[in-house]
C-alpha cells in the first residue's frame, strides 16, 4: 500500500469549485494512504484549502457509499479513517488470543474518567471513596485509553486526565455521547445489586493506602488481529 508523502499525488490541490465526485475521490485517496485518522480541518488543508463544508459533504457521501462494503469509513473523535466492517473482522483475526486482565480498580477509574473528564486524581478518589494507586493510572495510560489533558488551574495545579481516540475506537464509540446512560447500565445489570456495590465500596475505603488494589476482578479480552484500518 502506498504511503502518503509530501510529494504524493494526493498532495495536489483540489480546487474549491471542483465537482463533488472529484472531491470524494480526492478524500478517498487521501484517507486510503494516510497513516493516521484525519480531521476535517486536516483534510481541507491537505487538499489545497478546500472548504470544510465540501469536505464534510464528501465524507458523508463516502460513508454512505462504503456502508455495505467490506470496509467502512468511520469517524472517531472527530477524525476519519477506513476500518474493516465489524462483521468481517473474524476473517482477519489470528488464531492466537491474548487476554489482558484489567483490575476492578482500573475499570472503575476508567469509567469515572470517561463520564467526568477532564478529571484529576483527587477528583477520581473523591468519587470512588478510596485512594487510587498510581499504578492503576499507569496501566490505563500504557493501554492508550487515557491521556494527560493538562493541569487544573487551582492551587497545586494537579494533572487532569481524559479518554483518548483509542478508547473510543476500542469500544466502538463515535464520541463520549454514545456512552451508555444510567438507565442502560441498570437495565444491563451493571448497577445491581446495590447492596453488593455498597459493600465493595466500603471494603475499598477500608484498605490501607499502600495495599495493592485487587487485580483480576474484571477481564478485558483482546484478540490479536490485523489492524482494522487500511493504513
Protein backbone atom coordinates (compact mmCIF):
# COMPACT_ATOMS: atom_id res chain seq x y z
CA UNK A 1 0.00 0.00 0.00
CA UNK A 2 1.38 3.38 -0.87
CA UNK A 3 2.11 5.89 1.86
CA UNK A 4 1.01 9.49 1.95
CA UNK A 5 4.09 11.66 1.47
CA UNK A 6 4.75 15.31 0.73
CA UNK A 7 5.35 14.60 -2.95
CA UNK A 8 2.44 12.13 -3.35
CA UNK A 9 -0.26 12.67 -5.88
CA UNK A 10 -2.76 13.35 -3.09
CA UNK A 11 -0.78 16.46 -2.21
CA UNK A 12 -2.01 18.23 -5.36
CA UNK A 13 -4.54 20.95 -4.68
CA UNK A 14 -8.22 20.29 -5.14
CA UNK A 15 -9.87 23.42 -6.47
CA UNK A 16 -12.82 24.56 -4.31
CA UNK A 17 -15.08 24.62 -7.40
CA UNK A 18 -14.41 21.02 -8.50
CA UNK A 19 -17.32 18.64 -8.93
CA UNK A 20 -18.41 16.71 -5.80
CA UNK A 21 -17.34 13.35 -7.26
CA UNK A 22 -13.78 14.65 -7.68
CA UNK A 23 -13.79 15.84 -4.07
CA UNK A 24 -14.95 12.39 -2.93
CA UNK A 25 -12.22 10.70 -4.99
CA UNK A 26 -9.59 13.02 -3.53
CA UNK A 27 -10.81 12.34 0.02
CA UNK A 28 -10.92 8.60 -0.65
CA UNK A 29 -7.34 8.56 -1.97
CA UNK A 30 -6.09 10.73 0.88
CA UNK A 31 -7.65 8.65 3.65
CA UNK A 32 -6.65 5.39 1.98
CA UNK A 33 -2.98 6.41 2.04
CA UNK A 34 -2.99 8.31 5.34
CA UNK A 35 -1.00 6.75 8.16
CA UNK A 36 -3.35 8.15 10.83
CA UNK A 37 -7.00 9.24 11.03
CA UNK A 38 -7.51 12.80 9.81
CA UNK A 39 -9.85 15.58 10.89
CA UNK A 40 -11.95 17.72 8.56
CA UNK A 41 -9.55 20.63 9.04
CA UNK A 42 -6.54 18.46 8.17
CA UNK A 43 -8.24 17.09 5.07
CA UNK A 44 -9.30 20.55 3.92
CA UNK A 45 -5.76 21.92 4.36
CA UNK A 46 -4.19 18.90 2.68
CA UNK A 47 -6.43 19.30 -0.35
CA UNK A 48 -5.37 22.85 -1.02
CA UNK A 49 -7.69 24.83 1.18
CA UNK A 50 -10.91 23.07 0.26
CA UNK A 51 -13.92 24.41 2.15
CA UNK A 52 -14.74 22.44 5.31
CA UNK A 53 -18.37 22.18 4.18
CA UNK A 54 -17.27 20.48 0.96
CA UNK A 55 -15.08 18.08 2.91
CA UNK A 56 -17.93 17.16 5.27
CA UNK A 57 -20.29 16.60 2.35
CA UNK A 58 -17.73 14.44 0.60
CA UNK A 59 -17.11 12.40 3.76
CA UNK A 60 -20.84 11.91 4.25
CA UNK A 61 -21.22 10.65 0.68
CA UNK A 62 -18.22 8.34 1.00
CA UNK A 63 -19.51 7.00 4.32
CA UNK A 64 -22.81 6.10 2.67
CA UNK A 65 -21.01 4.54 -0.29
CA UNK A 66 -18.97 2.25 1.96
CA UNK A 67 -21.80 1.48 4.40
CA UNK A 68 -22.41 -2.01 2.98
CA UNK A 69 -18.92 -2.86 1.79
CA UNK A 70 -16.05 -4.80 3.34
CA UNK A 71 -14.51 -1.65 4.71
CA UNK A 72 -16.24 1.31 6.32
CA UNK A 73 -15.42 4.99 6.51
CA UNK A 74 -15.97 5.95 10.13
CA UNK A 75 -15.49 8.95 12.40
CA UNK A 76 -13.85 8.51 15.77
CA UNK A 77 -13.22 11.53 18.00
CA UNK A 78 -13.78 13.88 15.03
CA UNK A 79 -11.19 12.07 12.93
CA UNK A 80 -11.94 9.91 9.89
CA UNK A 81 -10.39 6.64 8.74
CA UNK A 82 -11.20 3.37 6.98
CA UNK A 83 -11.66 0.21 9.01
CA UNK A 84 -12.77 -3.36 8.39
CA UNK A 85 -16.52 -3.95 8.62
CA UNK A 86 -17.17 -5.41 12.11
CA UNK A 87 -18.95 -8.49 10.77
CA UNK A 88 -15.84 -9.39 8.72
CA UNK A 89 -13.29 -8.91 11.49
CA UNK A 90 -13.12 -12.68 12.04
CA UNK A 91 -11.56 -13.08 8.60
CA UNK A 92 -8.54 -11.06 9.70
CA UNK A 93 -8.22 -12.43 13.20
CA UNK A 94 -5.27 -14.56 14.10
CA UNK A 95 -5.81 -17.80 15.97
CA UNK A 96 -3.77 -16.76 18.99
CA UNK A 97 -5.70 -14.83 21.62
CA UNK A 98 -4.23 -12.61 24.28
CA UNK A 99 -6.16 -11.87 27.46
CA UNK A 100 -5.36 -8.72 29.37
CA UNK A 101 -6.59 -8.57 32.92
CA UNK A 102 -7.96 -5.21 33.99
CA UNK A 103 -8.41 -4.83 37.73
CA UNK A 104 -11.69 -3.74 39.23
CA UNK A 105 -9.95 -0.55 40.37
CA UNK A 106 -8.75 0.20 36.84
CA UNK A 107 -12.22 -0.44 35.45
CA UNK A 108 -13.74 1.97 37.97
CA UNK A 109 -11.13 4.65 37.26
CA UNK A 110 -11.61 4.31 33.50
CA UNK A 111 -15.39 4.68 33.89
CA UNK A 112 -15.00 7.76 36.10
CA UNK A 113 -12.65 9.43 33.63
CA UNK A 114 -14.95 8.62 30.71
CA UNK A 115 -18.03 10.09 32.38
CA UNK A 116 -16.41 13.05 34.17
CA UNK A 117 -13.40 14.07 32.07
CA UNK A 118 -11.29 16.03 32.38
CA UNK A 119 -10.79 14.89 35.96
CA UNK A 120 -7.90 14.95 38.43
CA UNK A 121 -6.65 12.09 40.58
CA UNK A 122 -8.10 13.75 43.69
CA UNK A 123 -11.48 14.04 41.99
CA UNK A 124 -11.31 10.37 40.98
CA UNK A 125 -10.58 9.40 44.58
CA UNK A 126 -13.43 11.59 45.83
CA UNK A 127 -15.88 9.81 43.52
CA UNK A 128 -14.56 6.31 44.31
CA UNK A 129 -14.27 6.98 48.03
CA UNK A 130 -10.87 5.32 48.13
CA UNK A 131 -7.32 6.31 47.24
CA UNK A 132 -6.16 5.33 43.76
CA UNK A 133 -2.77 3.72 43.28
CA UNK A 134 -0.52 5.39 40.72
CA UNK A 135 -0.08 2.01 39.04
CA UNK A 136 -3.79 1.94 38.19
CA UNK A 137 -3.49 5.13 36.15
CA UNK A 138 -0.23 3.89 34.62
CA UNK A 139 -1.98 0.75 33.32
CA UNK A 140 -4.64 2.85 31.58
CA UNK A 141 -2.03 5.25 30.19
CA UNK A 142 0.02 2.33 28.85
CA UNK A 143 -3.09 0.85 27.22
CA UNK A 144 -3.58 4.17 25.44
CA UNK A 145 -7.12 4.59 26.77
CA UNK A 146 -6.46 7.72 28.83
CA UNK A 147 -4.09 10.66 28.43
CA UNK A 148 -2.77 13.64 30.36
CA UNK A 149 -5.06 16.54 29.43
CA UNK A 150 -3.23 19.42 31.10
CA UNK A 151 -3.47 20.81 34.61
CA UNK A 152 -6.35 22.16 36.65
CA UNK A 153 -5.98 25.91 37.26
CA UNK A 154 -6.26 25.63 41.05
CA UNK A 155 -3.64 25.70 43.81
CA UNK A 156 -1.16 22.91 43.18
CA UNK A 157 -2.21 22.70 39.52
CA UNK A 158 -3.00 18.94 39.59
CA UNK A 159 -2.76 16.88 36.41
CA UNK A 160 -6.10 16.08 34.80
CA UNK A 161 -6.96 13.01 32.73
CA UNK A 162 -9.21 12.38 29.73
CA UNK A 163 -10.01 9.46 27.44
CA UNK A 164 -8.39 9.05 24.02
CA UNK A 165 -9.48 8.30 20.48
CA UNK A 166 -8.10 4.77 21.04
CA UNK A 167 -10.58 4.33 23.90
CA UNK A 168 -13.47 5.32 21.64
CA UNK A 169 -12.23 3.08 18.84
CA UNK A 170 -11.74 0.04 21.09
CA UNK A 171 -15.28 0.26 22.46
CA UNK A 172 -16.83 1.21 19.11
CA UNK A 173 -17.94 4.71 20.16
CA UNK A 174 -18.10 7.66 17.79
CA UNK A 175 -17.91 10.08 20.74
CA UNK A 176 -18.49 10.20 24.50
CA UNK A 177 -22.13 10.99 23.77
CA UNK A 178 -22.50 7.31 22.87
CA UNK A 179 -21.59 6.15 26.38
CA UNK A 180 -24.49 4.27 28.00
CA UNK A 181 -26.67 6.20 30.43
CA UNK A 182 -27.67 5.20 33.95
CA UNK A 183 -30.88 3.55 32.80
CA UNK A 184 -29.00 1.47 30.21
CA UNK A 185 -26.41 0.39 32.78
CA UNK A 186 -29.13 -0.57 35.24
CA UNK A 187 -31.03 -2.49 32.55
CA UNK A 188 -27.84 -4.40 31.75
CA UNK A 189 -27.49 -5.34 35.42
CA UNK A 190 -24.24 -3.42 35.86
CA UNK A 191 -25.58 -1.38 38.80
CA UNK A 192 -27.23 -4.28 40.66
CA UNK A 193 -27.40 -5.42 43.30
CA UNK A 194 -26.95 -2.18 45.21
CA UNK A 195 -26.04 -3.93 48.46
CA UNK A 196 -23.04 -5.67 46.87
CA UNK A 197 -21.84 -2.44 45.31
CA UNK A 198 -22.08 -0.70 48.68
CA UNK A 199 -20.14 -3.48 50.38
CA UNK A 200 -17.43 -3.28 47.71
CA UNK A 201 -17.15 0.48 48.16
CA UNK A 202 -16.92 0.18 51.94
CA UNK A 203 -14.28 -2.55 51.68
CA UNK A 204 -12.25 -0.47 49.26
CA UNK A 205 -12.42 2.58 51.54
CA UNK A 206 -11.08 0.49 54.44
CA UNK A 207 -7.95 -0.62 52.57
CA UNK A 208 -4.59 0.95 53.60
CA UNK A 209 -3.15 3.44 51.14
CA UNK A 210 -0.23 1.25 50.12
CA UNK A 211 -2.17 -2.02 49.88
CA UNK A 212 -2.18 -3.29 46.29
CA UNK A 213 -5.57 -2.96 44.69
CA UNK A 214 -7.39 -6.13 43.67
CA UNK A 215 -6.21 -7.37 40.33
CA UNK A 216 -8.18 -9.62 38.02
CA UNK A 217 -11.73 -8.85 39.18
CA UNK A 218 -12.54 -7.76 35.67
CA UNK A 219 -11.16 -9.00 32.40
CA UNK A 220 -10.91 -7.29 29.06
CA UNK A 221 -10.36 -9.89 26.38
CA UNK A 222 -8.48 -8.55 23.39
CA UNK A 223 -7.98 -10.74 20.38
CA UNK A 224 -4.94 -10.11 18.25
CA UNK A 225 -5.98 -9.18 14.75
CA UNK A 226 -4.71 -7.31 11.78
CA UNK A 227 -5.33 -3.56 12.02
CA UNK A 228 -8.86 -2.70 11.02
CA UNK A 229 -7.69 0.45 9.27
CA UNK A 230 -6.19 0.30 5.80
CA UNK A 231 -3.04 2.22 6.60
